[in-house]
Structures are given as C-alpha cells and as structure tokens.
Amino acid sequence: MAISWISAFRAIPWSDVLSATPSIVQGAEKLWHSVKRKQGAPDATEVPAGEAARLQQLEAQVAELHREALATSALIKSLAEQNDQLVHAVEVLRLRTRLLFGAAILMLVGLIVLAGWVLTR
C-alpha cells in the first residue's frame, strides 16, 4: 500500500502544482469577495396579498442560498489557503530529502575512501 502512495507522489508534477497554487488562491479570494459583495436587495413593488406570502417565502429562500454561498466560498478560500501551505511544506520536504540524499552519498563515498585507505596500509 505504501509503495502505491510513493509512486503516486512521484507522478505528481510538483512544478506545475507550485506554479498553479498562487492562481488558485487568487481565484478563491476573488470568489470570496464577489459572493460577499452580492447582496440580494429585492425591489419594493406592489404585489397582491396572496402573492405577498409567496414573495416572502422566496425572499427567505434567496437569503438562505446567499448564506450558503458565503459559507461555500469561505470554505473554498480556506481550502485554497491550506493547499498553498501544503504545497510549500511538500516543497520544503522535497528539498530536505534531496539534501539528505546528497549527504548520504557523500558519507558513503567517504566511507569507501576510508575503507580503501585502511586496506592499503
């Protein structure tokens, strides 16, 4: 099971993900601000008494949908920010892994050189 996760992470084009992250965050912020700015202000027009109850019900539904849209856009914004933080953390881990791999190679070469020097004495 762990091997499939490792191969899946290797298959991810991290440079594309890193380059796309700022645009995802900006898009989420634009969505958040556009939904937040929209206010459903119904026109105050004359309606028959039977239609008034229906109009109030529709206005309540519109208000509920607006609240849901605000909550959804806030969630999308939050997820985009978390994705940005996750991508940066993964990039740091990739860099650290490469550094550790390089250090391990240097230590292995040093060990081989030391072993060769000890054997020739």
PDB file of N, CA and C in Angstrom:
ATOM      1  N   MET A   1       0.826  -1.197   0.000  1.00  0.00           N
ATOM      2  CA  MET A   1       0.000   0.000   0.000  1.00  0.00           C
ATOM      3  C   MET A   1       0.860   1.246   0.000  1.00  0.00           C
ATOM      4  N   ALA A   2       1.967   1.229   0.762  1.00  0.00           N
ATOM      5  CA  ALA A   2       2.830   2.407   0.834  1.00  0.00           C
ATOM      6  C   ALA A   2       3.536   2.661  -0.486  1.00  0.00           C
ATOM      7  N   ILE A   3       3.817   1.615  -1.219  1.00  0.00           N
ATOM      8  CA  ILE A   3       4.500   1.773  -2.496  1.00  0.00           C
ATOM      9  C   ILE A   3       3.604   2.517  -3.477  1.00  0.00           C
ATOM     10  N   SER A   4       2.305   2.254  -3.469  1.00  0.00           N
ATOM     11  CA  SER A   4       1.411   2.949  -4.385  1.00  0.00           C
ATOM     12  C   SER A   4       1.340   4.440  -4.048  1.00  0.00           C
ATOM     13  N   TRP A   5       1.388   4.806  -2.759  1.00  0.00           N
ATOM     14  CA  TRP A   5       1.396   6.221  -2.378  1.00  0.00           C
ATOM     15  C   TRP A   5       2.680   6.891  -2.834  1.00  0.00           C
ATOM     16  N   ILE A   6       3.793   6.201  -2.678  1.00  0.00           N
ATOM     17  CA  ILE A   6       5.073   6.772  -3.095  1.00  0.00           C
ATOM     18  C   ILE A   6       5.082   6.983  -4.599  1.00  0.00           C
ATOM     19  N   SER A   7       4.625   6.003  -5.345  1.00  0.00           N
ATOM     20  CA  SER A   7       4.600   6.163  -6.800  1.00  0.00           C
ATOM     21  C   SER A   7       3.607   7.243  -7.212  1.00  0.00           C
ATOM     22  N   ALA A   8       2.515   7.385  -6.475  1.00  0.00           N
ATOM     23  CA  ALA A   8       1.550   8.442  -6.782  1.00  0.00           C
ATOM     24  C   ALA A   8       2.170   9.814  -6.541  1.00  0.00           C
ATOM     25  N   PHE A   9       2.914   9.976  -5.460  1.00  0.00           N
ATOM     26  CA  PHE A   9       3.543  11.263  -5.190  1.00  0.00           C
ATOM     27  C   PHE A   9       4.649  11.570  -6.195  1.00  0.00           C
ATOM     28  N   ARG A  10       5.316  10.537  -6.679  1.00  0.00           N
ATOM     29  CA  ARG A  10       6.349  10.769  -7.694  1.00  0.00           C
ATOM     30  C   ARG A  10       5.729  11.171  -9.019  1.00  0.00           C
ATOM     31  N   ALA A  11       4.517  10.710  -9.286  1.00  0.00           N
ATOM     32  CA  ALA A  11       3.851  11.014 -10.554  1.00  0.00           C
ATOM     33  C   ALA A  11       3.286  12.429 -10.597  1.00  0.00           C
ATOM     34  N   ILE A  12       3.183  13.089  -9.453  1.00  0.00           N
ATOM     35  CA  ILE A  12       2.629  14.439  -9.407  1.00  0.00           C
ATOM     36  C   ILE A  12       3.638  15.420  -9.984  1.00  0.00           C
ATOM     37  N   PRO A  13       3.224  16.242 -10.945  1.00  0.00           N
ATOM     38  CA  PRO A  13       4.142  17.252 -11.491  1.00  0.00           C
ATOM     39  C   PRO A  13       4.226  18.441 -10.522  1.00  0.00           C
ATOM     40  N   TRP A  14       5.137  18.359  -9.565  1.00  0.00           N
ATOM     41  CA  TRP A  14       5.195  19.350  -8.495  1.00  0.00           C
ATOM     42  C   TRP A  14       5.480  20.752  -9.005  1.00  0.00           C
ATOM     43  N   SER A  15       6.236  20.884 -10.063  1.00  0.00           N
ATOM     44  CA  SER A  15       6.494  22.225 -10.584  1.00  0.00           C
ATOM     45  C   SER A  15       5.207  22.853 -11.112  1.00  0.00           C
ATOM     46  N   ASP A  16       4.340  22.054 -11.742  1.00  0.00           N
ATOM     47  CA  ASP A  16       3.048  22.569 -12.202  1.00  0.00           C
ATOM     48  C   ASP A  16       2.156  22.937 -11.022  1.00  0.00           C
ATOM     49  N   VAL A  17       2.163  22.103  -9.996  1.00  0.00           N
ATOM     50  CA  VAL A  17       1.345  22.378  -8.813  1.00  0.00           C
ATOM     51  C   VAL A  17       1.820  23.662  -8.142  1.00  0.00           C
ATOM     52  N   LEU A  18       3.132  23.816  -8.001  1.00  0.00           N
ATOM     53  CA  LEU A  18       3.664  25.023  -7.372  1.00  0.00           C
ATOM     54  C   LEU A  18       3.358  26.268  -8.187  1.00  0.00           C
ATOM     55  N   SER A  19       3.446  26.170  -9.503  1.00  0.00           N
ATOM     56  CA  SER A  19       3.178  27.347 -10.321  1.00  0.00           C
ATOM     57  C   SER A  19       1.694  27.691 -10.348  1.00  0.00           C
ATOM     58  N   ALA A  20       0.816  26.706 -10.168  1.00  0.00           N
ATOM     59  CA  ALA A  20      -0.622  26.955 -10.216  1.00  0.00           C
ATOM     60  C   ALA A  20      -1.201  27.395  -8.877  1.00  0.00           C
ATOM     61  N   THR A  21      -0.504  27.171  -7.795  1.00  0.00           N
ATOM     62  CA  THR A  21      -1.043  27.470  -6.470  1.00  0.00           C
ATOM     63  C   THR A  21      -1.409  28.934  -6.281  1.00  0.00           C
ATOM     64  N   PRO A  22      -0.549  29.903  -6.656  1.00  0.00           N
ATOM     65  CA  PRO A  22      -0.956  31.298  -6.469  1.00  0.00           C
ATOM     66  C   PRO A  22      -2.228  31.666  -7.225  1.00  0.00           C
ATOM     67  N   SER A  23      -2.407  31.146  -8.422  1.00  0.00           N
ATOM     68  CA  SER A  23      -3.621  31.468  -9.171  1.00  0.00           C
ATOM     69  C   SER A  23      -4.849  30.831  -8.531  1.00  0.00           C
ATOM     70  N   ILE A  24      -4.688  29.662  -7.922  1.00  0.00           N
ATOM     71  CA  ILE A  24      -5.811  29.030  -7.222  1.00  0.00           C
ATOM     72  C   ILE A  24      -6.220  29.860  -6.019  1.00  0.00           C
ATOM     73  N   VAL A  25      -5.236  30.332  -5.269  1.00  0.00           N
ATOM     74  CA  VAL A  25      -5.527  31.161  -4.098  1.00  0.00           C
ATOM     75  C   VAL A  25      -6.183  32.469  -4.522  1.00  0.00           C
ATOM     76  N   GLN A  26      -5.662  33.090  -5.581  1.00  0.00           N
ATOM     77  CA  GLN A  26      -6.259  34.344  -6.058  1.00  0.00           C
ATOM     78  C   GLN A  26      -7.689  34.122  -6.544  1.00  0.00           C
ATOM     79  N   GLY A  27      -7.921  33.017  -7.245  1.00  0.00           N
ATOM     80  CA  GLY A  27      -9.276  32.715  -7.711  1.00  0.00           C
ATOM     81  C   GLY A  27     -10.238  32.494  -6.556  1.00  0.00           C
ATOM     82  N   ALA A  28      -9.768  31.816  -5.521  1.00  0.00           N
ATOM     83  CA  ALA A  28     -10.621  31.596  -4.347  1.00  0.00           C
ATOM     84  C   ALA A  28     -10.926  32.910  -3.642  1.00  0.00           C
ATOM     85  N   GLU A  29      -9.929  33.795  -3.563  1.00  0.00           N
ATOM     86  CA  GLU A  29     -10.163  35.101  -2.933  1.00  0.00           C
ATOM     87  C   GLU A  29     -11.136  35.940  -3.760  1.00  0.00           C
ATOM     88  N   LYS A  30     -11.013  35.894  -5.100  1.00  0.00           N
ATOM     89  CA  LYS A  30     -11.953  36.630  -5.952  1.00  0.00           C
ATOM     90  C   LYS A  30     -13.365  36.108  -5.768  1.00  0.00           C
ATOM     91  N   LEU A  31     -13.509  34.775  -5.692  1.00  0.00           N
ATOM     92  CA  LEU A  31     -14.827  34.185  -5.467  1.00  0.00           C
ATOM     93  C   LEU A  31     -15.386  34.635  -4.124  1.00  0.00           C
ATOM     94  N   TRP A  32     -14.555  34.611  -3.100  1.00  0.00           N
ATOM     95  CA  TRP A  32     -14.980  35.023  -1.763  1.00  0.00           C
ATOM     96  C   TRP A  32     -15.473  36.460  -1.775  1.00  0.00           C
ATOM     97  N   HIS A  33     -14.708  37.353  -2.412  1.00  0.00           N
ATOM     98  CA  HIS A  33     -15.090  38.766  -2.425  1.00  0.00           C
ATOM     99  C   HIS A  33     -16.322  39.012  -3.293  1.00  0.00           C
ATOM    100  N   SER A  34     -16.461  38.299  -4.412  1.00  0.00           N
ATOM    101  CA  SER A  34     -17.622  38.525  -5.270  1.00  0.00           C
ATOM    102  C   SER A  34     -18.899  38.033  -4.605  1.00  0.00           C
ATOM    103  N   VAL A  35     -18.837  36.898  -3.925  1.00  0.00           N
ATOM    104  CA  VAL A  35     -20.026  36.389  -3.241  1.00  0.00           C
ATOM    105  C   VAL A  35     -20.360  37.267  -2.045  1.00  0.00           C
ATOM    106  N   LYS A  36     -19.327  37.756  -1.360  1.00  0.00           N
ATOM    107  CA  LYS A  36     -19.553  38.587  -0.183  1.00  0.00           C
ATOM    108  C   LYS A  36     -20.187  39.932  -0.558  1.00  0.00           C
ATOM    109  N   ARG A  37     -19.781  40.470  -1.728  1.00  0.00           N
ATOM    110  CA  ARG A  37     -20.310  41.763  -2.169  1.00  0.00           C
ATOM    111  C   ARG A  37     -21.761  41.689  -2.616  1.00  0.00           C
ATOM    112  N   LYS A  38     -22.154  40.571  -3.194  1.00  0.00           N
ATOM    113  CA  LYS A  38     -23.513  40.457  -3.721  1.00  0.00           C
ATOM    114  C   LYS A  38     -24.516  40.446  -2.575  1.00  0.00           C
ATOM    115  N   GLN A  39     -25.403  41.380  -2.610  1.00  0.00           N
ATOM    116  CA  GLN A  39     -26.473  41.440  -1.622  1.00  0.00           C
ATOM    117  C   GLN A  39     -27.791  41.412  -2.384  1.00  0.00           C
ATOM    118  N   GLY A  40     -28.632  40.461  -2.070  1.00  0.00           N
ATOM    119  CA  GLY A  40     -29.923  40.349  -2.751  1.00  0.00           C
ATOM    120  C   GLY A  40     -30.895  41.374  -2.207  1.00  0.00           C
ATOM    121  N   ALA A  41     -30.956  42.555  -2.834  1.00  0.00           N
ATOM    122  CA  ALA A  41     -31.891  43.606  -2.421  1.00  0.00           C
ATOM    123  C   ALA A  41     -33.115  43.546  -3.324  1.00  0.00           C
ATOM    124  N   PRO A  42     -34.210  42.961  -2.847  1.00  0.00           N
ATOM    125  CA  PRO A  42     -35.401  42.854  -3.686  1.00  0.00           C
ATOM    126  C   PRO A  42     -36.055  44.211  -3.869  1.00  0.00           C
ATOM    127  N   ASP A  43     -36.708  44.394  -5.029  1.00  0.00           N
ATOM    128  CA  ASP A  43     -37.419  45.639  -5.307  1.00  0.00           C
ATOM    129  C   ASP A  43     -38.688  45.701  -4.474  1.00  0.00           C
ATOM    130  N   ALA A  44     -38.991  46.888  -3.985  1.00  0.00           N
ATOM    131  CA  ALA A  44     -40.212  47.079  -3.203  1.00  0.00           C
ATOM    132  C   ALA A  44     -41.322  47.489  -4.160  1.00  0.00           C
ATOM    133  N   THR A  45     -42.040  46.522  -4.674  1.00  0.00           N
ATOM    134  CA  THR A  45     -43.123  46.796  -5.620  1.00  0.00           C
ATOM    135  C   THR A  45     -44.428  46.327  -5.012  1.00  0.00           C
ATOM    136  N   GLU A  46     -45.502  46.811  -5.576  1.00  0.00           N
ATOM    137  CA  GLU A  46     -46.835  46.434  -5.108  1.00  0.00           C
ATOM    138  C   GLU A  46     -47.149  45.019  -5.598  1.00  0.00           C
ATOM    139  N   VAL A  47     -47.567  44.145  -4.669  1.00  0.00           N
ATOM    140  CA  VAL A  47     -47.968  42.791  -5.031  1.00  0.00           C
ATOM    141  C   VAL A  47     -49.306  42.485  -4.376  1.00  0.00           C
ATOM    142  N   PRO A  48     -50.096  41.632  -4.983  1.00  0.00           N
ATOM    143  CA  PRO A  48     -51.366  41.231  -4.356  1.00  0.00           C
ATOM    144  C   PRO A  48     -51.121  40.498  -3.037  1.00  0.00           C
ATOM    145  N   ALA A  49     -52.121  40.475  -2.158  1.00  0.00           N
ATOM    146  CA  ALA A  49     -51.976  39.887  -0.823  1.00  0.00           C
ATOM    147  C   ALA A  49     -51.613  38.406  -0.885  1.00  0.00           C
ATOM    148  N   GLY A  50     -52.164  37.645  -1.800  1.00  0.00           N
ATOM    149  CA  GLY A  50     -51.862  36.219  -1.933  1.00  0.00           C
ATOM    150  C   GLY A  50     -50.424  35.988  -2.374  1.00  0.00           C
ATOM    151  N   GLU A  51     -49.936  36.910  -3.147  1.00  0.00           N
ATOM    152  CA  GLU A  51     -48.570  36.797  -3.639  1.00  0.00           C
ATOM    153  C   GLU A  51     -47.541  37.244  -2.601  1.00  0.00           C
ATOM    154  N   ALA A  52     -47.973  38.026  -1.611  1.00  0.00           N
ATOM    155  CA  ALA A  52     -47.040  38.546  -0.600  1.00  0.00           C
ATOM    156  C   ALA A  52     -46.405  37.405   0.197  1.00  0.00           C
ATOM    157  N   ALA A  53     -47.199  36.420   0.572  1.00  0.00           N
ATOM    158  CA  ALA A  53     -46.659  35.286   1.332  1.00  0.00           C
ATOM    159  C   ALA A  53     -45.672  34.492   0.480  1.00  0.00           C
ATOM    160  N   ARG A  54     -46.024  34.312  -0.790  1.00  0.00           N
ATOM    161  CA  ARG A  54     -45.127  33.594  -1.704  1.00  0.00           C
ATOM    162  C   ARG A  54     -43.830  34.370  -1.896  1.00  0.00           C
ATOM    163  N   LEU A  55     -43.956  35.681  -2.017  1.00  0.00           N
ATOM    164  CA  LEU A  55     -42.768  36.529  -2.181  1.00  0.00           C
ATOM    165  C   LEU A  55     -41.875  36.458  -0.938  1.00  0.00           C
ATOM    166  N   GLN A  56     -42.458  36.485   0.244  1.00  0.00           N
ATOM    167  CA  GLN A  56     -41.668  36.377   1.463  1.00  0.00           C
ATOM    168  C   GLN A  56     -40.961  35.031   1.544  1.00  0.00           C
ATOM    169  N   GLN A  57     -41.647  33.970   1.131  1.00  0.00           N
ATOM    170  CA  GLN A  57     -41.034  32.650   1.139  1.00  0.00           C
ATOM    171  C   GLN A  57     -39.856  32.612   0.168  1.00  0.00           C
ATOM    172  N   LEU A  58     -40.035  33.177  -1.018  1.00  0.00           N
ATOM    173  CA  LEU A  58     -38.949  33.213  -1.994  1.00  0.00           C
ATOM    174  C   LEU A  58     -37.782  34.066  -1.494  1.00  0.00           C
ATOM    175  N   GLU A  59     -38.077  35.190  -0.841  1.00  0.00           N
ATOM    176  CA  GLU A  59     -37.018  36.030  -0.283  1.00  0.00           C
ATOM    177  C   GLU A  59     -36.243  35.287   0.805  1.00  0.00           C
ATOM    178  N   ALA A  60     -36.931  34.507   1.600  1.00  0.00           N
ATOM    179  CA  ALA A  60     -36.259  33.720   2.639  1.00  0.00           C
ATOM    180  C   ALA A  60     -35.366  32.654   2.001  1.00  0.00           C
ATOM    181  N   GLN A  61     -35.840  32.046   0.918  1.00  0.00           N
ATOM    182  CA  GLN A  61     -35.024  31.051   0.223  1.00  0.00           C
ATOM    183  C   GLN A  61     -33.781  31.698  -0.398  1.00  0.00           C
ATOM    184  N   VAL A  62     -33.965  32.887  -0.970  1.00  0.00           N
ATOM    185  CA  VAL A  62     -32.823  33.598  -1.560  1.00  0.00           C
ATOM    186  C   VAL A  62     -31.814  33.959  -0.476  1.00  0.00           C
ATOM    187  N   ALA A  63     -32.306  34.411   0.676  1.00  0.00           N
ATOM    188  CA  ALA A  63     -31.398  34.752   1.782  1.00  0.00           C
ATOM    189  C   ALA A  63     -30.646  33.520   2.264  1.00  0.00           C
ATOM    190  N   GLU A  64     -31.315  32.388   2.353  1.00  0.00           N
ATOM    191  CA  GLU A  64     -30.656  31.149   2.770  1.00  0.00           C
ATOM    192  C   GLU A  64     -29.613  30.713   1.747  1.00  0.00           C
ATOM    193  N   LEU A  65     -29.955  30.816   0.460  1.00  0.00           N
ATOM    194  CA  LEU A  65     -28.992  30.471  -0.586  1.00  0.00           C
ATOM    195  C   LEU A  65     -27.777  31.400  -0.544  1.00  0.00           C
ATOM    196  N   HIS A  66     -28.022  32.665  -0.240  1.00  0.00           N
ATOM    197  CA  HIS A  66     -26.913  33.619  -0.130  1.00  0.00           C
ATOM    198  C   HIS A  66     -26.000  33.242   1.042  1.00  0.00           C
ATOM    199  N   ARG A  67     -26.580  32.869   2.168  1.00  0.00           N
ATOM    200  CA  ARG A  67     -25.770  32.433   3.317  1.00  0.00           C
ATOM    201  C   ARG A  67     -24.971  31.179   2.969  1.00  0.00           C
ATOM    202  N   GLU A  68     -25.598  30.258   2.261  1.00  0.00           N
ATOM    203  CA  GLU A  68     -24.885  29.049   1.854  1.00  0.00           C
ATOM    204  C   GLU A  68     -23.758  29.364   0.879  1.00  0.00           C
ATOM    205  N   ALA A  69     -23.994  30.312  -0.034  1.00  0.00           N
ATOM    206  CA  ALA A  69     -22.946  30.698  -0.983  1.00  0.00           C
ATOM    207  C   ALA A  69     -21.776  31.344  -0.248  1.00  0.00           C
ATOM    208  N   LEU A  70     -22.070  32.164   0.753  1.00  0.00           N
ATOM    209  CA  LEU A  70     -20.999  32.765   1.561  1.00  0.00           C
ATOM    210  C   LEU A  70     -20.200  31.692   2.291  1.00  0.00           C
ATOM    211  N   ALA A  71     -20.903  30.733   2.885  1.00  0.00           N
ATOM    212  CA  ALA A  71     -20.211  29.668   3.607  1.00  0.00           C
ATOM    213  C   ALA A  71     -19.382  28.817   2.654  1.00  0.00           C
ATOM    214  N   THR A  72     -19.920  28.531   1.479  1.00  0.00           N
ATOM    215  CA  THR A  72     -19.192  27.732   0.498  1.00  0.00           C
ATOM    216  C   THR A  72     -17.952  28.449   0.007  1.00  0.00           C
ATOM    217  N   SER A  73     -18.099  29.733  -0.300  1.00  0.00           N
ATOM    218  CA  SER A  73     -16.930  30.478  -0.783  1.00  0.00           C
ATOM    219  C   SER A  73     -15.879  30.628   0.313  1.00  0.00           C
ATOM    220  N   ALA A  74     -16.310  30.764   1.563  1.00  0.00           N
ATOM    221  CA  ALA A  74     -15.347  30.816   2.666  1.00  0.00           C
ATOM    222  C   ALA A  74     -14.601  29.493   2.788  1.00  0.00           C
ATOM    223  N   LEU A  75     -15.323  28.391   2.618  1.00  0.00           N
ATOM    224  CA  LEU A  75     -14.695  27.080   2.673  1.00  0.00           C
ATOM    225  C   LEU A  75     -13.695  26.909   1.531  1.00  0.00           C
ATOM    226  N   ILE A  76     -14.064  27.329   0.329  1.00  0.00           N
ATOM    227  CA  ILE A  76     -13.158  27.224  -0.822  1.00  0.00           C
ATOM    228  C   ILE A  76     -11.915  28.063  -0.595  1.00  0.00           C
ATOM    229  N   LYS A  77     -12.095  29.263  -0.059  1.00  0.00           N
ATOM    230  CA  LYS A  77     -10.947  30.122   0.224  1.00  0.00           C
ATOM    231  C   LYS A  77     -10.035  29.462   1.253  1.00  0.00           C
ATOM    232  N   SER A  78     -10.620  28.911   2.291  1.00  0.00           N
ATOM    233  CA  SER A  78      -9.839  28.241   3.325  1.00  0.00           C
ATOM    234  C   SER A  78      -9.086  27.043   2.760  1.00  0.00           C
ATOM    235  N   LEU A  79      -9.759  26.252   1.933  1.00  0.00           N
ATOM    236  CA  LEU A  79      -9.106  25.089   1.326  1.00  0.00           C
ATOM    237  C   LEU A  79      -7.978  25.504   0.391  1.00  0.00           C
ATOM    238  N   ALA A  80      -8.165  26.592  -0.348  1.00  0.00           N
ATOM    239  CA  ALA A  80      -7.109  27.064  -1.246  1.00  0.00           C
ATOM    240  C   ALA A  80      -5.895  27.523  -0.443  1.00  0.00           C
ATOM    241  N   GLU A  81      -6.129  28.204   0.669  1.00  0.00           N
ATOM    242  CA  GLU A  81      -5.014  28.641   1.511  1.00  0.00           C
ATOM    243  C   GLU A  81      -4.296  27.438   2.124  1.00  0.00           C
ATOM    244  N   GLN A  82      -5.055  26.447   2.570  1.00  0.00           N
ATOM    245  CA  GLN A  82      -4.444  25.245   3.129  1.00  0.00           C
ATOM    246  C   GLN A  82      -3.664  24.488   2.062  1.00  0.00           C
ATOM    247  N   ASN A  83      -4.187  24.468   0.847  1.00  0.00           N
ATOM    248  CA  ASN A  83      -3.485  23.822  -0.254  1.00  0.00           C
ATOM    249  C   ASN A  83      -2.165  24.541  -0.529  1.00  0.00           C
ATOM    250  N   ASP A  84      -2.189  25.852  -0.483  1.00  0.00           N
ATOM    251  CA  ASP A  84      -0.967  26.637  -0.688  1.00  0.00           C
ATOM    252  C   ASP A  84       0.068  26.302   0.383  1.00  0.00           C
ATOM    253  N   GLN A  85      -0.354  26.234   1.632  1.00  0.00           N
ATOM    254  CA  GLN A  85       0.564  25.886   2.718  1.00  0.00           C
ATOM    255  C   GLN A  85       1.086  24.458   2.558  1.00  0.00           C
ATOM    256  N   LEU A  86       0.230  23.556   2.154  1.00  0.00           N
ATOM    257  CA  LEU A  86       0.633  22.165   1.956  1.00  0.00           C
ATOM    258  C   LEU A  86       1.656  22.040   0.839  1.00  0.00           C
ATOM    259  N   VAL A  87       1.441  22.749  -0.251  1.00  0.00           N
ATOM    260  CA  VAL A  87       2.372  22.691  -1.379  1.00  0.00           C
ATOM    261  C   VAL A  87       3.737  23.236  -0.962  1.00  0.00           C
ATOM    262  N   HIS A  88       3.741  24.325  -0.200  1.00  0.00           N
ATOM    263  CA  HIS A  88       5.020  24.869   0.270  1.00  0.00           C
ATOM    264  C   HIS A  88       5.721  23.896   1.217  1.00  0.00           C
ATOM    265  N   ALA A  89       4.957  23.246   2.084  1.00  0.00           N
ATOM    266  CA  ALA A  89       5.552  22.269   3.006  1.00  0.00           C
ATOM    267  C   ALA A  89       6.130  21.080   2.244  1.00  0.00           C
ATOM    268  N   VAL A  90       5.424  20.621   1.226  1.00  0.00           N
ATOM    269  CA  VAL A  90       5.921  19.498   0.428  1.00  0.00           C
ATOM    270  C   VAL A  90       7.195  19.904  -0.302  1.00  0.00           C
ATOM    271  N   GLU A  91       7.247  21.131  -0.803  1.00  0.00           N
ATOM    272  CA  GLU A  91       8.453  21.596  -1.494  1.00  0.00           C
ATOM    273  C   GLU A  91       9.647  21.638  -0.534  1.00  0.00           C
ATOM    274  N   VAL A  92       9.420  22.076   0.692  1.00  0.00           N
ATOM    275  CA  VAL A  92      10.494  22.083   1.696  1.00  0.00           C
ATOM    276  C   VAL A  92      10.953  20.654   1.983  1.00  0.00           C
ATOM    277  N   LEU A  93       9.994  19.738   2.109  1.00  0.00           N
ATOM    278  CA  LEU A  93      10.350  18.337   2.361  1.00  0.00           C
ATOM    279  C   LEU A  93      11.122  17.736   1.187  1.00  0.00           C
ATOM    280  N   ARG A  94      10.746  18.090  -0.038  1.00  0.00           N
ATOM    281  CA  ARG A  94      11.487  17.603  -1.210  1.00  0.00           C
ATOM    282  C   ARG A  94      12.928  18.106  -1.169  1.00  0.00           C
ATOM    283  N   LEU A  95      13.109  19.373  -0.831  1.00  0.00           N
ATOM    284  CA  LEU A  95      14.456  19.938  -0.758  1.00  0.00           C
ATOM    285  C   LEU A  95      15.275  19.260   0.331  1.00  0.00           C
ATOM    286  N   ARG A  96      14.667  19.059   1.481  1.00  0.00           N
ATOM    287  CA  ARG A  96      15.371  18.392   2.584  1.00  0.00           C
ATOM    288  C   ARG A  96      15.748  16.959   2.208  1.00  0.00           C
ATOM    289  N   THR A  97      14.849  16.275   1.522  1.00  0.00           N
ATOM    290  CA  THR A  97      15.131  14.903   1.098  1.00  0.00           C
ATOM    291  C   THR A  97      16.315  14.865   0.143  1.00  0.00           C
ATOM    292  N   ARG A  98      16.362  15.799  -0.786  1.00  0.00           N
ATOM    293  CA  ARG A  98      17.493  15.853  -1.713  1.00  0.00           C
ATOM    294  C   ARG A  98      18.797  16.148  -0.979  1.00  0.00           C
ATOM    295  N   LEU A  99      18.745  17.060  -0.015  1.00  0.00           N
ATOM    296  CA  LEU A  99      19.951  17.374   0.759  1.00  0.00           C
ATOM    297  C   LEU A  99      20.422  16.160   1.562  1.00  0.00           C
ATOM    298  N   LEU A 100      19.484  15.466   2.191  1.00  0.00           N
ATOM    299  CA  LEU A 100      19.845  14.277   2.956  1.00  0.00           C
ATOM    300  C   LEU A 100      20.392  13.175   2.051  1.00  0.00           C
ATOM    301  N   PHE A 101      19.828  13.027   0.874  1.00  0.00           N
ATOM    302  CA  PHE A 101      20.328  12.034  -0.064  1.00  0.00           C
ATOM    303  C   PHE A 101      21.754  12.382  -0.494  1.00  0.00           C
ATOM    304  N   GLY A 102      21.994  13.663  -0.772  1.00  0.00           N
ATOM    305  CA  GLY A 102      23.345  14.095  -1.138  1.00  0.00           C
ATOM    306  C   GLY A 102      24.333  13.867  -0.012  1.00  0.00           C
ATOM    307  N   ALA A 103      23.917  14.166   1.222  1.00  0.00           N
ATOM    308  CA  ALA A 103      24.793  13.944   2.369  1.00  0.00           C
ATOM    309  C   ALA A 103      25.089  12.451   2.544  1.00  0.00           C
ATOM    310  N   ALA A 104      24.081  11.607   2.332  1.00  0.00           N
ATOM    311  CA  ALA A 104      24.285  10.160   2.453  1.00  0.00           C
ATOM    312  C   ALA A 104      25.260   9.663   1.387  1.00  0.00           C
ATOM    313  N   ILE A 105      25.158  10.186   0.180  1.00  0.00           N
ATOM    314  CA  ILE A 105      26.087   9.800  -0.891  1.00  0.00           C
ATOM    315  C   ILE A 105      27.509  10.233  -0.534  1.00  0.00           C
ATOM    316  N   LEU A 106      27.657  11.455  -0.034  1.00  0.00           N
ATOM    317  CA  LEU A 106      28.981  11.932   0.365  1.00  0.00           C
ATOM    318  C   LEU A 106      29.564  11.070   1.489  1.00  0.00           C
ATOM    319  N   MET A 107      28.727  10.693   2.442  1.00  0.00           N
ATOM    320  CA  MET A 107      29.203   9.853   3.532  1.00  0.00           C
ATOM    321  C   MET A 107      29.597   8.465   3.024  1.00  0.00           C
ATOM    322  N   LEU A 108      28.838   7.933   2.083  1.00  0.00           N
ATOM    323  CA  LEU A 108      29.161   6.632   1.508  1.00  0.00           C
ATOM    324  C   LEU A 108      30.483   6.698   0.759  1.00  0.00           C
ATOM    325  N   VAL A 109      30.687   7.738  -0.019  1.00  0.00           N
ATOM    326  CA  VAL A 109      31.956   7.899  -0.740  1.00  0.00           C
ATOM    327  C   VAL A 109      33.105   8.030   0.259  1.00  0.00           C
ATOM    328  N   GLY A 110      32.899   8.813   1.302  1.00  0.00           N
ATOM    329  CA  GLY A 110      33.925   8.956   2.331  1.00  0.00           C
ATOM    330  C   GLY A 110      34.238   7.641   3.010  1.00  0.00           C
ATOM    331  N   LEU A 111      33.220   6.848   3.272  1.00  0.00           N
ATOM    332  CA  LEU A 111      33.426   5.538   3.895  1.00  0.00           C
ATOM    333  C   LEU A 111      34.202   4.608   2.971  1.00  0.00           C
ATOM    334  N   ILE A 112      33.876   4.640   1.692  1.00  0.00           N
ATOM    335  CA  ILE A 112      34.598   3.797   0.728  1.00  0.00           C
ATOM    336  C   ILE A 112      36.059   4.239   0.635  1.00  0.00           C
ATOM    337  N   VAL A 113      36.298   5.537   0.593  1.00  0.00           N
ATOM    338  CA  VAL A 113      37.674   6.048   0.533  1.00  0.00           C
ATOM    339  C   VAL A 113      38.431   5.665   1.797  1.00  0.00           C
ATOM    340  N   LEU A 114      37.787   5.793   2.958  1.00  0.00           N
ATOM    341  CA  LEU A 114      38.420   5.436   4.220  1.00  0.00           C
ATOM    342  C   LEU A 114      38.737   3.932   4.268  1.00  0.00           C
ATOM    343  N   ALA A 115      37.774   3.109   3.813  1.00  0.00           N
ATOM    344  CA  ALA A 115      37.996   1.665   3.801  1.00  0.00           C
ATOM    345  C   ALA A 115      39.149   1.312   2.855  1.00  0.00           C
ATOM    346  N   GLY A 116      39.215   1.966   1.719  1.00  0.00           N
ATOM    347  CA  GLY A 116      40.317   1.722   0.791  1.00  0.00           C
ATOM    348  C   GLY A 116      41.649   2.156   1.383  1.00  0.00           C
ATOM    349  N   TRP A 117      41.659   3.233   2.090  1.00  0.00           N
ATOM    350  CA  TRP A 117      42.908   3.724   2.700  1.00  0.00           C
ATOM    351  C   TRP A 117      43.368   2.774   3.810  1.00  0.00           C
ATOM    352  N   VAL A 118      42.414   2.264   4.606  1.00  0.00           N
ATOM    353  CA  VAL A 118      42.760   1.342   5.688  1.00  0.00           C
ATOM    354  C   VAL A 118      43.282   0.022   5.099  1.00  0.00           C
ATOM    355  N   LEU A 119      42.685  -0.463   4.044  1.00  0.00           N
ATOM    356  CA  LEU A 119      43.097  -1.730   3.445  1.00  0.00           C
ATOM    357  C   LEU A 119      44.466  -1.637   2.781  1.00  0.00           C
ATOM    358  N   THR A 120      44.845  -0.463   2.283  1.00  0.00           N
ATOM    359  CA  THR A 120      46.140  -0.320   1.623  1.00  0.00           C
ATOM    360  C   THR A 120      47.273  -0.125   2.615  1.00  0.00           C
ATOM    361  N   ARG A 121      47.006   0.117   3.837  1.00  0.00           N
ATOM    362  CA  ARG A 121      48.051   0.307   4.854  1.00  0.00           C
ATOM    363  C   ARG A 121      48.611  -0.948   5.297  1.00  0.00           C
TER     364      ARG A 121
END
